[in-house]
mmCIF file of all heavy atoms, coordinates in Angstrom:
data_MODEL
# 
_entry.id   MODEL 
# 
loop_
_atom_site.group_PDB 
_atom_site.id 
_atom_site.type_symbol 
_atom_site.label_atom_id 
_atom_site.label_alt_id 
_atom_site.label_comp_id 
_atom_site.label_asym_id 
_atom_site.label_entity_id 
_atom_site.label_seq_id 
_atom_site.pdbx_PDB_ins_code 
_atom_site.Cartn_x 
_atom_site.Cartn_y 
_atom_site.Cartn_z 
_atom_site.occupancy 
_atom_site.B_iso_or_equiv 
_atom_site.pdbx_formal_charge 
_atom_site.auth_seq_id 
_atom_site.auth_comp_id 
_atom_site.auth_asym_id 
_atom_site.auth_atom_id 
_atom_site.pdbx_PDB_model_num 
ATOM 1   N N   . ARG A 1 1  ? -0.212 3.800   -11.936 1.00 0.00 ? 1  ARG A N   1 
ATOM 2   C CA  . ARG A 1 1  ? -0.240 2.417   -12.396 1.00 0.00 ? 1  ARG A CA  1 
ATOM 3   C C   . ARG A 1 1  ? -0.011 1.394   -11.290 1.00 0.00 ? 1  ARG A C   1 
ATOM 4   O O   . ARG A 1 1  ? -0.115 0.194   -11.545 1.00 0.00 ? 1  ARG A O   1 
ATOM 5   C CB  . ARG A 1 1  ? 0.802  2.206   -13.501 1.00 0.00 ? 1  ARG A CB  1 
ATOM 6   C CG  . ARG A 1 1  ? 2.240  2.231   -13.016 1.00 0.00 ? 1  ARG A CG  1 
ATOM 7   C CD  . ARG A 1 1  ? 3.256  2.171   -14.148 1.00 0.00 ? 1  ARG A CD  1 
ATOM 8   N NE  . ARG A 1 1  ? 4.616  2.022   -13.656 1.00 0.00 ? 1  ARG A NE  1 
ATOM 9   C CZ  . ARG A 1 1  ? 5.351  3.011   -13.149 1.00 0.00 ? 1  ARG A CZ  1 
ATOM 10  N NH1 . ARG A 1 1  ? 4.843  4.237   -13.075 1.00 0.00 ? 1  ARG A NH1 1 
ATOM 11  N NH2 . ARG A 1 1  ? 6.571  2.783   -12.731 1.00 0.00 ? 1  ARG A NH2 1 
ATOM 12  N N   . GLN A 1 2  ? 0.327  1.842   -10.100 1.00 0.00 ? 2  GLN A N   1 
ATOM 13  C CA  . GLN A 1 2  ? 0.633  0.914   -9.018  1.00 0.00 ? 2  GLN A CA  1 
ATOM 14  C C   . GLN A 1 2  ? -0.457 0.964   -7.959  1.00 0.00 ? 2  GLN A C   1 
ATOM 15  O O   . GLN A 1 2  ? -1.085 2.010   -7.758  1.00 0.00 ? 2  GLN A O   1 
ATOM 16  C CB  . GLN A 1 2  ? 2.002  1.247   -8.412  1.00 0.00 ? 2  GLN A CB  1 
ATOM 17  C CG  . GLN A 1 2  ? 3.126  1.180   -9.446  1.00 0.00 ? 2  GLN A CG  1 
ATOM 18  C CD  . GLN A 1 2  ? 4.494  1.515   -8.885  1.00 0.00 ? 2  GLN A CD  1 
ATOM 19  O OE1 . GLN A 1 2  ? 4.690  1.531   -7.675  1.00 0.00 ? 2  GLN A OE1 1 
ATOM 20  N NE2 . GLN A 1 2  ? 5.445  1.784   -9.762  1.00 0.00 ? 2  GLN A NE2 1 
ATOM 21  N N   . GLN A 1 3  ? -0.663 -0.141  -7.280  1.00 0.00 ? 3  GLN A N   1 
ATOM 22  C CA  . GLN A 1 3  ? -1.809 -0.273  -6.371  1.00 0.00 ? 3  GLN A CA  1 
ATOM 23  C C   . GLN A 1 3  ? -1.527 0.290   -4.976  1.00 0.00 ? 3  GLN A C   1 
ATOM 24  O O   . GLN A 1 3  ? -1.533 -0.416  -3.963  1.00 0.00 ? 3  GLN A O   1 
ATOM 25  C CB  . GLN A 1 3  ? -2.231 -1.734  -6.299  1.00 0.00 ? 3  GLN A CB  1 
ATOM 26  C CG  . GLN A 1 3  ? -2.788 -2.266  -7.603  1.00 0.00 ? 3  GLN A CG  1 
ATOM 27  C CD  . GLN A 1 3  ? -4.039 -1.542  -8.043  1.00 0.00 ? 3  GLN A CD  1 
ATOM 28  O OE1 . GLN A 1 3  ? -4.870 -1.161  -7.221  1.00 0.00 ? 3  GLN A OE1 1 
ATOM 29  N NE2 . GLN A 1 3  ? -4.180 -1.311  -9.343  1.00 0.00 ? 3  GLN A NE2 1 
ATOM 30  N N   . TYR A 1 4  ? -1.296 1.615   -4.979  1.00 0.00 ? 4  TYR A N   1 
ATOM 31  C CA  . TYR A 1 4  ? -1.073 2.332   -3.725  1.00 0.00 ? 4  TYR A CA  1 
ATOM 32  C C   . TYR A 1 4  ? -1.999 3.534   -3.662  1.00 0.00 ? 4  TYR A C   1 
ATOM 33  O O   . TYR A 1 4  ? -2.629 3.907   -4.656  1.00 0.00 ? 4  TYR A O   1 
ATOM 34  C CB  . TYR A 1 4  ? 0.398  2.766   -3.613  1.00 0.00 ? 4  TYR A CB  1 
ATOM 35  C CG  . TYR A 1 4  ? 1.350  1.603   -3.658  1.00 0.00 ? 4  TYR A CG  1 
ATOM 36  C CD1 . TYR A 1 4  ? 2.127  1.347   -4.783  1.00 0.00 ? 4  TYR A CD1 1 
ATOM 37  C CD2 . TYR A 1 4  ? 1.446  0.734   -2.578  1.00 0.00 ? 4  TYR A CD2 1 
ATOM 38  C CE1 . TYR A 1 4  ? 2.978  0.248   -4.844  1.00 0.00 ? 4  TYR A CE1 1 
ATOM 39  C CE2 . TYR A 1 4  ? 2.294  -0.365  -2.625  1.00 0.00 ? 4  TYR A CE2 1 
ATOM 40  C CZ  . TYR A 1 4  ? 3.053  -0.606  -3.756  1.00 0.00 ? 4  TYR A CZ  1 
ATOM 41  O OH  . TYR A 1 4  ? 3.872  -1.691  -3.802  1.00 0.00 ? 4  TYR A OH  1 
ATOM 42  N N   . LYS A 1 5  ? -2.045 4.146   -2.499  1.00 0.00 ? 5  LYS A N   1 
ATOM 43  C CA  . LYS A 1 5  ? -2.926 5.296   -2.270  1.00 0.00 ? 5  LYS A CA  1 
ATOM 44  C C   . LYS A 1 5  ? -2.081 6.543   -2.040  1.00 0.00 ? 5  LYS A C   1 
ATOM 45  O O   . LYS A 1 5  ? -0.922 6.453   -1.599  1.00 0.00 ? 5  LYS A O   1 
ATOM 46  C CB  . LYS A 1 5  ? -3.805 5.033   -1.044  1.00 0.00 ? 5  LYS A CB  1 
ATOM 47  C CG  . LYS A 1 5  ? -4.578 3.731   -1.091  1.00 0.00 ? 5  LYS A CG  1 
ATOM 48  C CD  . LYS A 1 5  ? -5.205 3.430   0.263   1.00 0.00 ? 5  LYS A CD  1 
ATOM 49  C CE  . LYS A 1 5  ? -5.808 2.041   0.293   1.00 0.00 ? 5  LYS A CE  1 
ATOM 50  N NZ  . LYS A 1 5  ? -6.348 1.688   1.626   1.00 0.00 ? 5  LYS A NZ  1 
ATOM 51  N N   . ALA A 1 6  ? -2.672 7.696   -2.311  1.00 0.00 ? 6  ALA A N   1 
ATOM 52  C CA  . ALA A 1 6  ? -1.953 8.958   -2.141  1.00 0.00 ? 6  ALA A CA  1 
ATOM 53  C C   . ALA A 1 6  ? -1.440 9.109   -0.708  1.00 0.00 ? 6  ALA A C   1 
ATOM 54  O O   . ALA A 1 6  ? -0.339 9.625   -0.484  1.00 0.00 ? 6  ALA A O   1 
ATOM 55  C CB  . ALA A 1 6  ? -2.859 10.138  -2.513  1.00 0.00 ? 6  ALA A CB  1 
ATOM 56  N N   . GLU A 1 7  ? -2.208 8.638   0.247   1.00 0.00 ? 7  GLU A N   1 
ATOM 57  C CA  . GLU A 1 7  ? -1.812 8.778   1.654   1.00 0.00 ? 7  GLU A CA  1 
ATOM 58  C C   . GLU A 1 7  ? -0.623 7.884   2.010   1.00 0.00 ? 7  GLU A C   1 
ATOM 59  O O   . GLU A 1 7  ? -0.044 8.029   3.091   1.00 0.00 ? 7  GLU A O   1 
ATOM 60  C CB  . GLU A 1 7  ? -2.997 8.445   2.553   1.00 0.00 ? 7  GLU A CB  1 
ATOM 61  C CG  . GLU A 1 7  ? -3.427 6.996   2.473   1.00 0.00 ? 7  GLU A CG  1 
ATOM 62  C CD  . GLU A 1 7  ? -4.719 6.714   3.216   1.00 0.00 ? 7  GLU A CD  1 
ATOM 63  O OE1 . GLU A 1 7  ? -5.549 7.627   3.333   1.00 0.00 ? 7  GLU A OE1 1 
ATOM 64  O OE2 . GLU A 1 7  ? -4.889 5.566   3.670   1.00 0.00 ? 7  GLU A OE2 1 
ATOM 65  N N   . GLN A 1 8  ? -0.250 6.970   1.101   1.00 0.00 ? 8  GLN A N   1 
ATOM 66  C CA  . GLN A 1 8  ? 0.875  6.060   1.373   1.00 0.00 ? 8  GLN A CA  1 
ATOM 67  C C   . GLN A 1 8  ? 2.195  6.543   0.777   1.00 0.00 ? 8  GLN A C   1 
ATOM 68  O O   . GLN A 1 8  ? 3.208  5.857   0.912   1.00 0.00 ? 8  GLN A O   1 
ATOM 69  C CB  . GLN A 1 8  ? 0.550  4.668   0.837   1.00 0.00 ? 8  GLN A CB  1 
ATOM 70  C CG  . GLN A 1 8  ? -0.593 3.984   1.587   1.00 0.00 ? 8  GLN A CG  1 
ATOM 71  C CD  . GLN A 1 8  ? -0.961 2.644   0.995   1.00 0.00 ? 8  GLN A CD  1 
ATOM 72  O OE1 . GLN A 1 8  ? -1.046 2.495   -0.228  1.00 0.00 ? 8  GLN A OE1 1 
ATOM 73  N NE2 . GLN A 1 8  ? -1.164 1.658   1.847   1.00 0.00 ? 8  GLN A NE2 1 
ATOM 74  N N   . ILE A 1 9  ? 2.198  7.697   0.148   1.00 0.00 ? 9  ILE A N   1 
ATOM 75  C CA  . ILE A 1 9  ? 3.438  8.247   -0.407  1.00 0.00 ? 9  ILE A CA  1 
ATOM 76  C C   . ILE A 1 9  ? 4.493  8.360   0.700   1.00 0.00 ? 9  ILE A C   1 
ATOM 77  O O   . ILE A 1 9  ? 4.218  8.852   1.790   1.00 0.00 ? 9  ILE A O   1 
ATOM 78  C CB  . ILE A 1 9  ? 3.188  9.628   -1.051  1.00 0.00 ? 9  ILE A CB  1 
ATOM 79  C CG1 . ILE A 1 9  ? 2.357  9.454   -2.327  1.00 0.00 ? 9  ILE A CG1 1 
ATOM 80  C CG2 . ILE A 1 9  ? 4.505  10.329  -1.386  1.00 0.00 ? 9  ILE A CG2 1 
ATOM 81  C CD1 . ILE A 1 9  ? 1.918  10.777  -2.938  1.00 0.00 ? 9  ILE A CD1 1 
ATOM 82  N N   . GLY A 1 10 ? 5.679  7.886   0.420   1.00 0.00 ? 10 GLY A N   1 
ATOM 83  C CA  . GLY A 1 10 ? 6.772  7.926   1.389   1.00 0.00 ? 10 GLY A CA  1 
ATOM 84  C C   . GLY A 1 10 ? 6.950  6.646   2.183   1.00 0.00 ? 10 GLY A C   1 
ATOM 85  O O   . GLY A 1 10 ? 8.000  6.445   2.804   1.00 0.00 ? 10 GLY A O   1 
ATOM 86  N N   . LYS A 1 11 ? 5.953  5.761   2.157   1.00 0.00 ? 11 LYS A N   1 
ATOM 87  C CA  . LYS A 1 11 ? 6.088  4.491   2.860   1.00 0.00 ? 11 LYS A CA  1 
ATOM 88  C C   . LYS A 1 11 ? 6.840  3.498   1.983   1.00 0.00 ? 11 LYS A C   1 
ATOM 89  O O   . LYS A 1 11 ? 6.797  3.563   0.755   1.00 0.00 ? 11 LYS A O   1 
ATOM 90  C CB  . LYS A 1 11 ? 4.701  3.899   3.179   1.00 0.00 ? 11 LYS A CB  1 
ATOM 91  C CG  . LYS A 1 11 ? 3.945  4.623   4.269   1.00 0.00 ? 11 LYS A CG  1 
ATOM 92  C CD  . LYS A 1 11 ? 2.671  3.866   4.615   1.00 0.00 ? 11 LYS A CD  1 
ATOM 93  C CE  . LYS A 1 11 ? 1.948  4.530   5.784   1.00 0.00 ? 11 LYS A CE  1 
ATOM 94  N NZ  . LYS A 1 11 ? 0.726  3.783   6.169   1.00 0.00 ? 11 LYS A NZ  1 
ATOM 95  N N   . PHE A 1 12 ? 7.526  2.562   2.618   1.00 0.00 ? 12 PHE A N   1 
ATOM 96  C CA  . PHE A 1 12 ? 8.106  1.464   1.860   1.00 0.00 ? 12 PHE A CA  1 
ATOM 97  C C   . PHE A 1 12 ? 6.977  0.698   1.180   1.00 0.00 ? 12 PHE A C   1 
ATOM 98  O O   . PHE A 1 12 ? 5.898  0.494   1.760   1.00 0.00 ? 12 PHE A O   1 
ATOM 99  C CB  . PHE A 1 12 ? 8.908  0.535   2.769   1.00 0.00 ? 12 PHE A CB  1 
ATOM 100 C CG  . PHE A 1 12 ? 10.256 1.074   3.154   1.00 0.00 ? 12 PHE A CG  1 
ATOM 101 C CD1 . PHE A 1 12 ? 10.496 1.494   4.456   1.00 0.00 ? 12 PHE A CD1 1 
ATOM 102 C CD2 . PHE A 1 12 ? 11.275 1.171   2.214   1.00 0.00 ? 12 PHE A CD2 1 
ATOM 103 C CE1 . PHE A 1 12 ? 11.746 1.997   4.814   1.00 0.00 ? 12 PHE A CE1 1 
ATOM 104 C CE2 . PHE A 1 12 ? 12.529 1.670   2.562   1.00 0.00 ? 12 PHE A CE2 1 
ATOM 105 C CZ  . PHE A 1 12 ? 12.765 2.090   3.861   1.00 0.00 ? 12 PHE A CZ  1 
ATOM 106 N N   . LYS A 1 13 ? 7.235  0.264   -0.048  1.00 0.00 ? 13 LYS A N   1 
ATOM 107 C CA  . LYS A 1 13 ? 6.199  -0.451  -0.790  1.00 0.00 ? 13 LYS A CA  1 
ATOM 108 C C   . LYS A 1 13 ? 5.810  -1.746  -0.099  1.00 0.00 ? 13 LYS A C   1 
ATOM 109 O O   . LYS A 1 13 ? 4.639  -2.161  -0.153  1.00 0.00 ? 13 LYS A O   1 
ATOM 110 C CB  . LYS A 1 13 ? 6.666  -0.713  -2.221  1.00 0.00 ? 13 LYS A CB  1 
ATOM 111 C CG  . LYS A 1 13 ? 6.719  0.557   -3.065  1.00 0.00 ? 13 LYS A CG  1 
ATOM 112 C CD  . LYS A 1 13 ? 7.156  0.280   -4.493  1.00 0.00 ? 13 LYS A CD  1 
ATOM 113 C CE  . LYS A 1 13 ? 7.178  1.581   -5.296  1.00 0.00 ? 13 LYS A CE  1 
ATOM 114 N NZ  . LYS A 1 13 ? 7.626  1.358   -6.699  1.00 0.00 ? 13 LYS A NZ  1 
ATOM 115 N N   . THR A 1 14 ? 6.749  -2.404  0.534   1.00 0.00 ? 14 THR A N   1 
ATOM 116 C CA  . THR A 1 14 ? 6.419  -3.620  1.278   1.00 0.00 ? 14 THR A CA  1 
ATOM 117 C C   . THR A 1 14 ? 5.387  -3.332  2.365   1.00 0.00 ? 14 THR A C   1 
ATOM 118 O O   . THR A 1 14 ? 4.443  -4.090  2.561   1.00 0.00 ? 14 THR A O   1 
ATOM 119 C CB  . THR A 1 14 ? 7.678  -4.221  1.910   1.00 0.00 ? 14 THR A CB  1 
ATOM 120 O OG1 . THR A 1 14 ? 8.422  -3.188  2.582   1.00 0.00 ? 14 THR A OG1 1 
ATOM 121 C CG2 . THR A 1 14 ? 8.570  -4.869  0.859   1.00 0.00 ? 14 THR A CG2 1 
ATOM 122 N N   . GLU A 1 15 ? 5.576  -2.217  3.062   1.00 0.00 ? 15 GLU A N   1 
ATOM 123 C CA  . GLU A 1 15 ? 4.655  -1.849  4.140   1.00 0.00 ? 15 GLU A CA  1 
ATOM 124 C C   . GLU A 1 15 ? 3.295  -1.436  3.580   1.00 0.00 ? 15 GLU A C   1 
ATOM 125 O O   . GLU A 1 15 ? 2.239  -1.870  4.064   1.00 0.00 ? 15 GLU A O   1 
ATOM 126 C CB  . GLU A 1 15 ? 5.260  -0.701  4.955   1.00 0.00 ? 15 GLU A CB  1 
ATOM 127 C CG  . GLU A 1 15 ? 4.362  -0.172  6.064   1.00 0.00 ? 15 GLU A CG  1 
ATOM 128 C CD  . GLU A 1 15 ? 4.922  1.058   6.759   1.00 0.00 ? 15 GLU A CD  1 
ATOM 129 O OE1 . GLU A 1 15 ? 6.075  1.444   6.457   1.00 0.00 ? 15 GLU A OE1 1 
ATOM 130 O OE2 . GLU A 1 15 ? 4.212  1.642   7.598   1.00 0.00 ? 15 GLU A OE2 1 
ATOM 131 N N   . ALA A 1 16 ? 3.320  -0.579  2.549   1.00 0.00 ? 16 ALA A N   1 
ATOM 132 C CA  . ALA A 1 16 ? 2.075  -0.062  1.986   1.00 0.00 ? 16 ALA A CA  1 
ATOM 133 C C   . ALA A 1 16 ? 1.245  -1.176  1.347   1.00 0.00 ? 16 ALA A C   1 
ATOM 134 O O   . ALA A 1 16 ? 0.022  -1.258  1.541   1.00 0.00 ? 16 ALA A O   1 
ATOM 135 C CB  . ALA A 1 16 ? 2.382  1.030   0.967   1.00 0.00 ? 16 ALA A CB  1 
ATOM 136 N N   . LEU A 1 17 ? 1.900  -2.052  0.581   1.00 0.00 ? 17 LEU A N   1 
ATOM 137 C CA  . LEU A 1 17 ? 1.148  -3.122  -0.070  1.00 0.00 ? 17 LEU A CA  1 
ATOM 138 C C   . LEU A 1 17 ? 0.606  -4.102  0.956   1.00 0.00 ? 17 LEU A C   1 
ATOM 139 O O   . LEU A 1 17 ? -0.512 -4.620  0.801   1.00 0.00 ? 17 LEU A O   1 
ATOM 140 C CB  . LEU A 1 17 ? 2.034  -3.841  -1.091  1.00 0.00 ? 17 LEU A CB  1 
ATOM 141 C CG  . LEU A 1 17 ? 1.323  -4.872  -1.965  1.00 0.00 ? 17 LEU A CG  1 
ATOM 142 C CD1 . LEU A 1 17 ? 0.167  -4.237  -2.736  1.00 0.00 ? 17 LEU A CD1 1 
ATOM 143 C CD2 . LEU A 1 17 ? 2.299  -5.530  -2.930  1.00 0.00 ? 17 LEU A CD2 1 
ATOM 144 N N   . SER A 1 18 ? 1.363  -4.364  2.010   1.00 0.00 ? 18 SER A N   1 
ATOM 145 C CA  . SER A 1 18 ? 0.863  -5.232  3.076   1.00 0.00 ? 18 SER A CA  1 
ATOM 146 C C   . SER A 1 18 ? -0.412 -4.668  3.682   1.00 0.00 ? 18 SER A C   1 
ATOM 147 O O   . SER A 1 18 ? -1.373 -5.409  3.946   1.00 0.00 ? 18 SER A O   1 
ATOM 148 C CB  . SER A 1 18 ? 1.933  -5.405  4.164   1.00 0.00 ? 18 SER A CB  1 
ATOM 149 O OG  . SER A 1 18 ? 3.038  -6.131  3.680   1.00 0.00 ? 18 SER A OG  1 
ATOM 150 N N   . GLU A 1 19 ? -0.431 -3.361  3.916   1.00 0.00 ? 19 GLU A N   1 
ATOM 151 C CA  . GLU A 1 19 ? -1.634 -2.722  4.455   1.00 0.00 ? 19 GLU A CA  1 
ATOM 152 C C   . GLU A 1 19 ? -2.831 -2.961  3.537   1.00 0.00 ? 19 GLU A C   1 
ATOM 153 O O   . GLU A 1 19 ? -3.933 -3.314  3.988   1.00 0.00 ? 19 GLU A O   1 
ATOM 154 C CB  . GLU A 1 19 ? -1.410 -1.215  4.607   1.00 0.00 ? 19 GLU A CB  1 
ATOM 155 C CG  . GLU A 1 19 ? -0.420 -0.830  5.683   1.00 0.00 ? 19 GLU A CG  1 
ATOM 156 C CD  . GLU A 1 19 ? -0.152 0.670   5.707   1.00 0.00 ? 19 GLU A CD  1 
ATOM 157 O OE1 . GLU A 1 19 ? -0.665 1.381   4.807   1.00 0.00 ? 19 GLU A OE1 1 
ATOM 158 O OE2 . GLU A 1 19 ? 0.577  1.121   6.606   1.00 0.00 ? 19 GLU A OE2 1 
ATOM 159 N N   . ASN A 1 20 ? -2.608 -2.780  2.240   1.00 0.00 ? 20 ASN A N   1 
ATOM 160 C CA  . ASN A 1 20 ? -3.706 -2.916  1.285   1.00 0.00 ? 20 ASN A CA  1 
ATOM 161 C C   . ASN A 1 20 ? -4.165 -4.364  1.154   1.00 0.00 ? 20 ASN A C   1 
ATOM 162 O O   . ASN A 1 20 ? -5.364 -4.642  1.047   1.00 0.00 ? 20 ASN A O   1 
ATOM 163 C CB  . ASN A 1 20 ? -3.270 -2.369  -0.075  1.00 0.00 ? 20 ASN A CB  1 
ATOM 164 C CG  . ASN A 1 20 ? -2.952 -0.885  -0.013  1.00 0.00 ? 20 ASN A CG  1 
ATOM 165 O OD1 . ASN A 1 20 ? -3.347 -0.189  0.918   1.00 0.00 ? 20 ASN A OD1 1 
ATOM 166 N ND2 . ASN A 1 20 ? -2.216 -0.398  -0.999  1.00 0.00 ? 20 ASN A ND2 1 
ATOM 167 N N   . LEU A 1 21 ? -3.213 -5.284  1.166   1.00 0.00 ? 21 LEU A N   1 
ATOM 168 C CA  . LEU A 1 21 ? -3.572 -6.694  1.046   1.00 0.00 ? 21 LEU A CA  1 
ATOM 169 C C   . LEU A 1 21 ? -4.337 -7.192  2.268   1.00 0.00 ? 21 LEU A C   1 
ATOM 170 O O   . LEU A 1 21 ? -5.222 -8.041  2.148   1.00 0.00 ? 21 LEU A O   1 
ATOM 171 C CB  . LEU A 1 21 ? -2.315 -7.535  0.834   1.00 0.00 ? 21 LEU A CB  1 
ATOM 172 C CG  . LEU A 1 21 ? -1.619 -7.367  -0.520  1.00 0.00 ? 21 LEU A CG  1 
ATOM 173 C CD1 . LEU A 1 21 ? -0.303 -8.140  -0.531  1.00 0.00 ? 21 LEU A CD1 1 
ATOM 174 C CD2 . LEU A 1 21 ? -2.510 -7.835  -1.654  1.00 0.00 ? 21 LEU A CD2 1 
ATOM 175 N N   . LYS A 1 22 ? -4.010 -6.674  3.430   1.00 0.00 ? 22 LYS A N   1 
ATOM 176 C CA  . LYS A 1 22 ? -4.716 -7.085  4.644   1.00 0.00 ? 22 LYS A CA  1 
ATOM 177 C C   . LYS A 1 22 ? -6.165 -6.629  4.614   1.00 0.00 ? 22 LYS A C   1 
ATOM 178 O O   . LYS A 1 22 ? -7.040 -7.267  5.216   1.00 0.00 ? 22 LYS A O   1 
ATOM 179 C CB  . LYS A 1 22 ? -4.000 -6.540  5.887   1.00 0.00 ? 22 LYS A CB  1 
ATOM 180 C CG  . LYS A 1 22 ? -2.694 -7.274  6.182   1.00 0.00 ? 22 LYS A CG  1 
ATOM 181 C CD  . LYS A 1 22 ? -1.915 -6.625  7.315   1.00 0.00 ? 22 LYS A CD  1 
ATOM 182 C CE  . LYS A 1 22 ? -0.587 -7.332  7.535   1.00 0.00 ? 22 LYS A CE  1 
ATOM 183 N NZ  . LYS A 1 22 ? 0.236  -6.658  8.575   1.00 0.00 ? 22 LYS A NZ  1 
ATOM 184 N N   . GLU A 1 23 ? -6.438 -5.538  3.920   1.00 0.00 ? 23 GLU A N   1 
ATOM 185 C CA  . GLU A 1 23 ? -7.815 -5.093  3.749   1.00 0.00 ? 23 GLU A CA  1 
ATOM 186 C C   . GLU A 1 23 ? -8.548 -5.963  2.731   1.00 0.00 ? 23 GLU A C   1 
ATOM 187 O O   . GLU A 1 23 ? -9.730 -6.253  2.876   1.00 0.00 ? 23 GLU A O   1 
ATOM 188 C CB  . GLU A 1 23 ? -7.848 -3.633  3.277   1.00 0.00 ? 23 GLU A CB  1 
ATOM 189 C CG  . GLU A 1 23 ? -7.350 -2.634  4.295   1.00 0.00 ? 23 GLU A CG  1 
ATOM 190 C CD  . GLU A 1 23 ? -7.378 -1.206  3.756   1.00 0.00 ? 23 GLU A CD  1 
ATOM 191 O OE1 . GLU A 1 23 ? -7.841 -1.016  2.611   1.00 0.00 ? 23 GLU A OE1 1 
ATOM 192 O OE2 . GLU A 1 23 ? -6.933 -0.300  4.472   1.00 0.00 ? 23 GLU A OE2 1 
ATOM 193 N N   . ILE A 1 24 ? -7.838 -6.376  1.691   1.00 0.00 ? 24 ILE A N   1 
ATOM 194 C CA  . ILE A 1 24 ? -8.446 -7.128  0.599   1.00 0.00 ? 24 ILE A CA  1 
ATOM 195 C C   . ILE A 1 24 ? -8.617 -8.600  0.947   1.00 0.00 ? 24 ILE A C   1 
ATOM 196 O O   . ILE A 1 24 ? -9.666 -9.199  0.682   1.00 0.00 ? 24 ILE A O   1 
ATOM 197 C CB  . ILE A 1 24 ? -7.580 -6.991  -0.673  1.00 0.00 ? 24 ILE A CB  1 
ATOM 198 C CG1 . ILE A 1 24 ? -7.635 -5.551  -1.191  1.00 0.00 ? 24 ILE A CG1 1 
ATOM 199 C CG2 . ILE A 1 24 ? -8.015 -7.974  -1.758  1.00 0.00 ? 24 ILE A CG2 1 
ATOM 200 C CD1 . ILE A 1 24 ? -6.600 -5.254  -2.248  1.00 0.00 ? 24 ILE A CD1 1 
ATOM 201 N N   . ALA A 1 25 ? -7.578 -9.194  1.507   1.00 0.00 ? 25 ALA A N   1 
ATOM 202 C CA  . ALA A 1 25 ? -7.569 -10.636 1.794   1.00 0.00 ? 25 ALA A CA  1 
ATOM 203 C C   . ALA A 1 25 ? -6.956 -10.859 3.170   1.00 0.00 ? 25 ALA A C   1 
ATOM 204 O O   . ALA A 1 25 ? -5.764 -11.164 3.290   1.00 0.00 ? 25 ALA A O   1 
ATOM 205 C CB  . ALA A 1 25 ? -6.778 -11.385 0.722   1.00 0.00 ? 25 ALA A CB  1 
# 
C-alpha cells in the first residue's frame, strides 16, 4: 500500500521516498 519498491526495503522512508520523488518531479 505504500509507494516504495522492493529494492528499497531497509532504507529510511525519508530517503526512499525522496529517491522516488526526484524521479517523478
